[in-house]
């Protein structure tokens, strides 16, 4: 099968272009549609509690929806247990694989580095939920 989303999109594009070759408009629409799928936004984000003592790093394709879930106690067990509801930091990507890679990278950082990143982005450490 496919090793990643990119391989799948390339195979689908190749198969569809071969199947409908000769019809320029359909081919152009297909290419634009596949490009749109590839360009779907995804996010790496960091949450904290009100006292800023614990942080959580996550990844999502819908930042607003995911943060709402965390705020309503329907996120991960970890965020629910430590009441991690404040969005302090996020990065936007056009490929979910990039967002996942960044999440893994940040999770391997020292705690001090994570806080420096957050403070550079959000010096007041305010909840950014209403700004997304």
Protein backbone atom coordinates (compact mmCIF):
# COMPACT_ATOMS: atom_id res chain seq x y z
CA UNK A 1 0.00 0.00 0.00
CA UNK A 2 1.06 3.61 0.45
CA UNK A 3 3.67 4.70 2.96
CA UNK A 4 2.20 8.18 3.38
CA UNK A 5 -0.45 10.62 2.17
CA UNK A 6 1.83 11.99 -0.53
CA UNK A 7 2.31 8.57 -2.13
CA UNK A 8 -1.43 7.97 -2.08
CA UNK A 9 -2.18 11.34 -3.72
CA UNK A 10 0.47 10.76 -6.37
CA UNK A 11 -0.95 7.32 -7.20
CA UNK A 12 -4.54 8.58 -7.33
CA UNK A 13 -3.47 11.49 -9.51
CA UNK A 14 -1.55 9.22 -11.86
CA UNK A 15 -4.41 6.69 -12.15
CA UNK A 16 -7.06 9.34 -12.70
CA UNK A 17 -5.02 11.26 -15.26
CA UNK A 18 -4.40 8.05 -17.19
CA UNK A 19 -8.11 7.12 -17.02
CA UNK A 20 -9.41 10.46 -18.25
CA UNK A 21 -6.58 11.54 -20.50
CA UNK A 22 -7.68 13.77 -23.32
CA UNK A 23 -10.24 15.75 -21.33
CA UNK A 24 -8.32 18.89 -20.35
CA UNK A 25 -11.01 20.45 -18.13
CA UNK A 26 -11.54 17.31 -16.09
CA UNK A 27 -7.79 16.81 -15.78
CA UNK A 28 -7.26 20.40 -14.63
CA UNK A 29 -10.07 20.12 -12.07
CA UNK A 30 -8.62 16.87 -10.76
CA UNK A 31 -5.16 18.36 -10.37
CA UNK A 32 -6.59 21.41 -8.59
CA UNK A 33 -8.65 19.18 -6.31
CA UNK A 34 -5.66 17.05 -5.38
CA UNK A 35 -3.59 20.16 -4.77
CA UNK A 36 -6.32 21.45 -2.45
CA UNK A 37 -6.32 18.16 -0.53
CA UNK A 38 -2.57 18.37 -0.14
CA UNK A 39 -2.81 22.03 0.97
CA UNK A 40 -5.31 21.35 3.78
CA UNK A 41 -4.12 23.16 6.86
CA UNK A 42 -2.88 21.32 9.91
CA UNK A 43 -1.52 22.57 13.19
CA UNK A 44 0.91 21.80 15.98
CA UNK A 45 -0.21 23.44 19.21
CA UNK A 46 0.74 23.82 22.86
CA UNK A 47 -1.74 24.00 25.75
CA UNK A 48 -1.22 24.82 29.40
CA UNK A 49 -3.22 25.12 32.59
CA UNK A 50 -4.15 28.39 34.32
CA UNK A 51 -1.06 28.29 36.56
CA UNK A 52 1.25 27.57 33.58
CA UNK A 53 2.82 24.60 35.37
CA UNK A 54 2.12 21.85 32.80
CA UNK A 55 2.17 21.88 28.99
CA UNK A 56 0.79 19.58 26.33
CA UNK A 57 1.87 19.42 22.68
CA UNK A 58 -0.61 18.17 20.10
CA UNK A 59 -1.40 18.09 16.40
CA UNK A 60 -4.71 18.55 14.58
CA UNK A 61 -6.31 19.31 11.24
CA UNK A 62 -8.90 21.64 12.81
CA UNK A 63 -7.40 23.84 15.52
CA UNK A 64 -10.62 25.57 16.57
CA UNK A 65 -12.51 22.30 16.94
CA UNK A 66 -9.69 20.56 18.79
CA UNK A 67 -9.15 23.37 21.30
CA UNK A 68 -12.90 23.51 21.89
CA UNK A 69 -12.78 19.78 22.67
CA UNK A 70 -9.97 20.35 25.17
CA UNK A 71 -11.86 23.22 26.80
CA UNK A 72 -14.95 20.99 27.13
CA UNK A 73 -12.98 18.12 28.70
CA UNK A 74 -13.28 15.97 25.59
CA UNK A 75 -9.62 16.19 24.53
CA UNK A 76 -7.03 13.69 25.68
CA UNK A 77 -7.09 12.11 29.13
CA UNK A 78 -3.85 13.95 29.95
CA UNK A 79 -5.28 17.40 29.17
CA UNK A 80 -8.43 16.58 31.11
CA UNK A 81 -6.48 15.31 34.14
CA UNK A 82 -4.30 18.43 34.35
CA UNK A 83 -6.97 20.89 33.15
CA UNK A 84 -4.92 22.00 30.13
CA UNK A 85 -7.30 24.32 28.31
CA UNK A 86 -5.33 27.45 27.37
CA UNK A 87 -3.85 27.65 23.89
CA UNK A 88 -0.45 29.32 24.27
CA UNK A 89 1.22 28.50 20.96
CA UNK A 90 0.47 27.08 17.52
CA UNK A 91 2.08 26.64 14.12
CA UNK A 92 0.23 26.18 10.84
CA UNK A 93 1.30 23.72 8.14
CA UNK A 94 0.02 22.78 4.70
CA UNK A 95 0.87 19.10 5.16
CA UNK A 96 -0.18 16.99 8.15
CA UNK A 97 3.12 15.11 7.97
CA UNK A 98 5.00 18.35 8.62
CA UNK A 99 2.79 19.08 11.62
CA UNK A 100 3.37 15.59 13.02
CA UNK A 101 7.12 15.91 12.52
CA UNK A 102 7.13 19.24 14.32
CA UNK A 103 5.07 17.80 17.19
CA UNK A 104 7.61 14.99 17.61
CA UNK A 105 10.48 17.47 17.46
CA UNK A 106 8.95 19.72 20.13
CA UNK A 107 8.16 16.78 22.40
CA UNK A 108 11.87 15.94 22.41
CA UNK A 109 12.90 19.46 23.41
CA UNK A 110 13.89 20.40 26.95
CA UNK A 111 11.17 22.08 28.98
CA UNK A 112 13.12 25.36 29.03
CA UNK A 113 13.32 25.43 25.22
CA UNK A 114 9.57 24.87 24.94
CA UNK A 115 8.84 27.77 27.29
CA UNK A 116 11.27 30.01 25.39
CA UNK A 117 9.43 29.18 22.14
CA UNK A 118 6.07 29.91 23.74
CA UNK A 119 7.24 33.20 25.28
CA UNK A 120 8.77 34.40 21.99
CA UNK A 121 5.42 33.78 20.28
CA UNK A 122 3.16 34.83 23.15
CA UNK A 123 5.07 36.96 25.71
CA UNK A 124 2.00 37.54 27.90
CA UNK A 125 1.19 33.80 27.99
CA UNK A 126 -2.44 34.63 27.25
CA UNK A 127 -4.96 32.14 25.92
CA UNK A 128 -4.91 32.54 22.13
CA UNK A 129 -8.14 30.61 21.52
CA UNK A 130 -10.20 33.69 20.72
CA UNK A 131 -7.55 34.93 18.27
CA UNK A 132 -7.60 31.91 15.96
